[in-house]
Amino acid sequence: MSNLHWVALAASPRIGGKTITALLRHFGDLEAVFSASRAELLDVPGIGESIARIIRSIDLAAIGRHIEE
């Protein structure tokens, strides 16, 4: 599992341990979460429109640059 993907989700509003666990159970790894479509995210138990929107809006490149600083 990529530390970047973990940090990106954990630092996002309204996404906590239970949500990350549900995402991991559904997709198998966090990298797959970030390539999932809105519809695929909505198939995860407990993921609604607002959480799906938050996940889809995460800028991994920006977070990666911030971590490297």
N, C-alpha and C. Protein backbone atom coordinates (compact mmCIF):
# COMPACT_ATOMS: atom_id res chain seq x y z
N MET A 1 0.84 -1.18 0.00
CA MET A 1 0.00 0.00 0.00
C MET A 1 0.88 1.24 0.00
N SER A 2 0.50 2.18 -0.81
CA SER A 2 1.27 3.41 -0.92
C SER A 2 1.00 4.33 0.27
N ASN A 3 2.06 4.83 0.86
CA ASN A 3 1.90 5.80 1.95
C ASN A 3 1.18 7.04 1.46
N LEU A 4 1.44 7.45 0.23
CA LEU A 4 0.79 8.64 -0.33
C LEU A 4 -0.72 8.46 -0.34
N HIS A 5 -1.19 7.32 -0.79
CA HIS A 5 -2.63 7.07 -0.86
C HIS A 5 -3.24 7.06 0.54
N TRP A 6 -2.54 6.46 1.47
CA TRP A 6 -3.01 6.40 2.86
C TRP A 6 -3.10 7.81 3.45
N VAL A 7 -2.04 8.59 3.30
CA VAL A 7 -2.02 9.95 3.84
C VAL A 7 -3.12 10.80 3.20
N ALA A 8 -3.28 10.66 1.89
CA ALA A 8 -4.29 11.45 1.18
C ALA A 8 -5.69 11.19 1.73
N LEU A 9 -6.02 9.94 1.97
CA LEU A 9 -7.34 9.62 2.52
C LEU A 9 -7.46 10.04 3.98
N ALA A 10 -6.44 9.70 4.77
CA ALA A 10 -6.51 9.99 6.20
C ALA A 10 -6.57 11.48 6.50
N ALA A 11 -6.00 12.29 5.63
CA ALA A 11 -5.99 13.74 5.84
C ALA A 11 -7.23 14.42 5.29
N SER A 12 -8.08 13.67 4.64
CA SER A 12 -9.27 14.24 4.01
C SER A 12 -10.41 14.36 5.02
N PRO A 13 -11.20 15.42 4.90
CA PRO A 13 -12.32 15.58 5.82
C PRO A 13 -13.35 14.48 5.63
N ARG A 14 -13.94 14.04 6.74
CA ARG A 14 -15.02 13.05 6.76
C ARG A 14 -14.59 11.64 6.38
N ILE A 15 -13.28 11.41 6.25
CA ILE A 15 -12.78 10.07 5.94
C ILE A 15 -11.91 9.60 7.10
N GLY A 16 -12.40 8.60 7.79
CA GLY A 16 -11.68 8.07 8.94
C GLY A 16 -11.34 6.60 8.75
N GLY A 17 -10.98 5.97 9.82
CA GLY A 17 -10.54 4.59 9.78
C GLY A 17 -11.59 3.62 9.26
N LYS A 18 -12.85 3.81 9.65
CA LYS A 18 -13.92 2.91 9.19
C LYS A 18 -14.12 3.03 7.69
N THR A 19 -14.06 4.25 7.19
CA THR A 19 -14.24 4.46 5.75
C THR A 19 -13.08 3.87 4.98
N ILE A 20 -11.87 4.08 5.45
CA ILE A 20 -10.69 3.53 4.78
C ILE A 20 -10.74 2.00 4.79
N THR A 21 -11.17 1.41 5.91
CA THR A 21 -11.30 -0.04 5.99
C THR A 21 -12.33 -0.54 4.99
N ALA A 22 -13.46 0.14 4.89
CA ALA A 22 -14.49 -0.27 3.92
C ALA A 22 -13.97 -0.18 2.49
N LEU A 23 -13.21 0.87 2.20
CA LEU A 23 -12.63 1.03 0.86
C LEU A 23 -11.63 -0.09 0.56
N LEU A 24 -10.79 -0.41 1.54
CA LEU A 24 -9.82 -1.48 1.36
C LEU A 24 -10.50 -2.84 1.15
N ARG A 25 -11.54 -3.10 1.91
CA ARG A 25 -12.27 -4.36 1.76
C ARG A 25 -12.88 -4.47 0.36
N HIS A 26 -13.42 -3.38 -0.10
CA HIS A 26 -14.11 -3.39 -1.39
C HIS A 26 -13.15 -3.46 -2.58
N PHE A 27 -12.09 -2.64 -2.54
CA PHE A 27 -11.20 -2.52 -3.69
C PHE A 27 -9.93 -3.35 -3.59
N GLY A 28 -9.55 -3.76 -2.39
CA GLY A 28 -8.36 -4.58 -2.23
C GLY A 28 -7.09 -3.80 -1.93
N ASP A 29 -6.98 -2.60 -2.46
CA ASP A 29 -5.84 -1.72 -2.14
C ASP A 29 -6.26 -0.27 -2.37
N LEU A 30 -5.52 0.62 -1.76
CA LEU A 30 -5.89 2.03 -1.83
C LEU A 30 -5.62 2.64 -3.20
N GLU A 31 -4.67 2.09 -3.95
CA GLU A 31 -4.41 2.60 -5.29
C GLU A 31 -5.66 2.46 -6.16
N ALA A 32 -6.37 1.34 -6.00
CA ALA A 32 -7.59 1.10 -6.77
C ALA A 32 -8.69 2.09 -6.40
N VAL A 33 -8.69 2.55 -5.17
CA VAL A 33 -9.69 3.54 -4.74
C VAL A 33 -9.57 4.80 -5.60
N PHE A 34 -8.34 5.21 -5.86
CA PHE A 34 -8.12 6.46 -6.59
C PHE A 34 -8.36 6.33 -8.09
N SER A 35 -8.45 5.13 -8.59
CA SER A 35 -8.78 4.96 -10.00
C SER A 35 -10.24 4.58 -10.19
N ALA A 36 -10.97 4.46 -9.08
CA ALA A 36 -12.39 4.09 -9.14
C ALA A 36 -13.24 5.26 -9.63
N SER A 37 -14.28 4.91 -10.35
CA SER A 37 -15.24 5.92 -10.79
C SER A 37 -16.15 6.31 -9.63
N ARG A 38 -16.90 7.35 -9.82
CA ARG A 38 -17.87 7.79 -8.83
C ARG A 38 -18.85 6.64 -8.53
N ALA A 39 -19.35 6.01 -9.59
CA ALA A 39 -20.31 4.91 -9.43
C ALA A 39 -19.69 3.75 -8.64
N GLU A 40 -18.44 3.44 -8.92
CA GLU A 40 -17.76 2.35 -8.19
C GLU A 40 -17.60 2.70 -6.72
N LEU A 41 -17.28 3.95 -6.42
CA LEU A 41 -17.16 4.38 -5.03
C LEU A 41 -18.51 4.28 -4.32
N LEU A 42 -19.58 4.64 -5.01
CA LEU A 42 -20.91 4.58 -4.41
C LEU A 42 -21.37 3.16 -4.12
N ASP A 43 -20.74 2.18 -4.74
CA ASP A 43 -21.05 0.77 -4.46
C ASP A 43 -20.50 0.29 -3.13
N VAL A 44 -19.61 1.06 -2.53
CA VAL A 44 -18.99 0.69 -1.25
C VAL A 44 -19.97 1.03 -0.12
N PRO A 45 -20.27 0.06 0.74
CA PRO A 45 -21.16 0.36 1.87
C PRO A 45 -20.64 1.53 2.70
N GLY A 46 -21.51 2.49 2.97
CA GLY A 46 -21.15 3.64 3.78
C GLY A 46 -20.61 4.82 3.00
N ILE A 47 -20.39 4.65 1.70
CA ILE A 47 -19.89 5.74 0.88
C ILE A 47 -21.07 6.38 0.15
N GLY A 48 -21.28 7.65 0.44
CA GLY A 48 -22.33 8.40 -0.23
C GLY A 48 -21.74 9.41 -1.20
N GLU A 49 -22.62 10.24 -1.73
CA GLU A 49 -22.20 11.25 -2.71
C GLU A 49 -21.08 12.15 -2.19
N SER A 50 -21.22 12.64 -0.96
CA SER A 50 -20.23 13.60 -0.47
C SER A 50 -18.85 12.97 -0.29
N ILE A 51 -18.80 11.75 0.23
CA ILE A 51 -17.51 11.07 0.41
C ILE A 51 -16.92 10.73 -0.95
N ALA A 52 -17.74 10.25 -1.87
CA ALA A 52 -17.25 9.94 -3.22
C ALA A 52 -16.67 11.20 -3.86
N ARG A 53 -17.34 12.32 -3.69
CA ARG A 53 -16.88 13.59 -4.26
C ARG A 53 -15.53 13.99 -3.64
N ILE A 54 -15.41 13.82 -2.33
CA ILE A 54 -14.15 14.16 -1.64
C ILE A 54 -13.01 13.30 -2.19
N ILE A 55 -13.25 11.99 -2.30
CA ILE A 55 -12.21 11.09 -2.80
C ILE A 55 -11.81 11.46 -4.22
N ARG A 56 -12.80 11.71 -5.06
CA ARG A 56 -12.50 12.03 -6.47
C ARG A 56 -11.78 13.38 -6.61
N SER A 57 -11.90 14.24 -5.61
CA SER A 57 -11.27 15.56 -5.71
C SER A 57 -9.85 15.60 -5.14
N ILE A 58 -9.39 14.52 -4.54
CA ILE A 58 -8.06 14.50 -3.93
C ILE A 58 -6.99 14.60 -5.02
N ASP A 59 -6.08 15.52 -4.83
CA ASP A 59 -4.98 15.75 -5.78
C ASP A 59 -3.72 15.05 -5.24
N LEU A 60 -3.52 13.82 -5.68
CA LEU A 60 -2.37 13.04 -5.19
C LEU A 60 -1.04 13.71 -5.50
N ALA A 61 -0.92 14.32 -6.66
CA ALA A 61 0.33 14.98 -7.04
C ALA A 61 0.66 16.11 -6.08
N ALA A 62 -0.33 16.91 -5.74
CA ALA A 62 -0.11 18.03 -4.81
C ALA A 62 0.27 17.52 -3.43
N ILE A 63 -0.41 16.48 -2.98
CA ILE A 63 -0.08 15.92 -1.67
C ILE A 63 1.32 15.33 -1.67
N GLY A 64 1.68 14.67 -2.75
CA GLY A 64 3.03 14.11 -2.87
C GLY A 64 4.09 15.19 -2.82
N ARG A 65 3.85 16.30 -3.49
CA ARG A 65 4.81 17.42 -3.46
C ARG A 65 4.92 17.98 -2.04
N HIS A 66 3.80 18.08 -1.36
CA HIS A 66 3.80 18.63 0.00
C HIS A 66 4.57 17.70 0.95
N ILE A 67 4.41 16.40 0.79
CA ILE A 67 5.10 15.43 1.65
C ILE A 67 6.62 15.52 1.44
N GLU A 68 7.02 15.73 0.20
CA GLU A 68 8.46 15.77 -0.11
C GLU A 68 9.14 17.03 0.40
N GLU A 69 8.38 18.06 0.70
CA GLU A 69 8.98 19.33 1.14
C GLU A 69 9.62 19.24 2.49
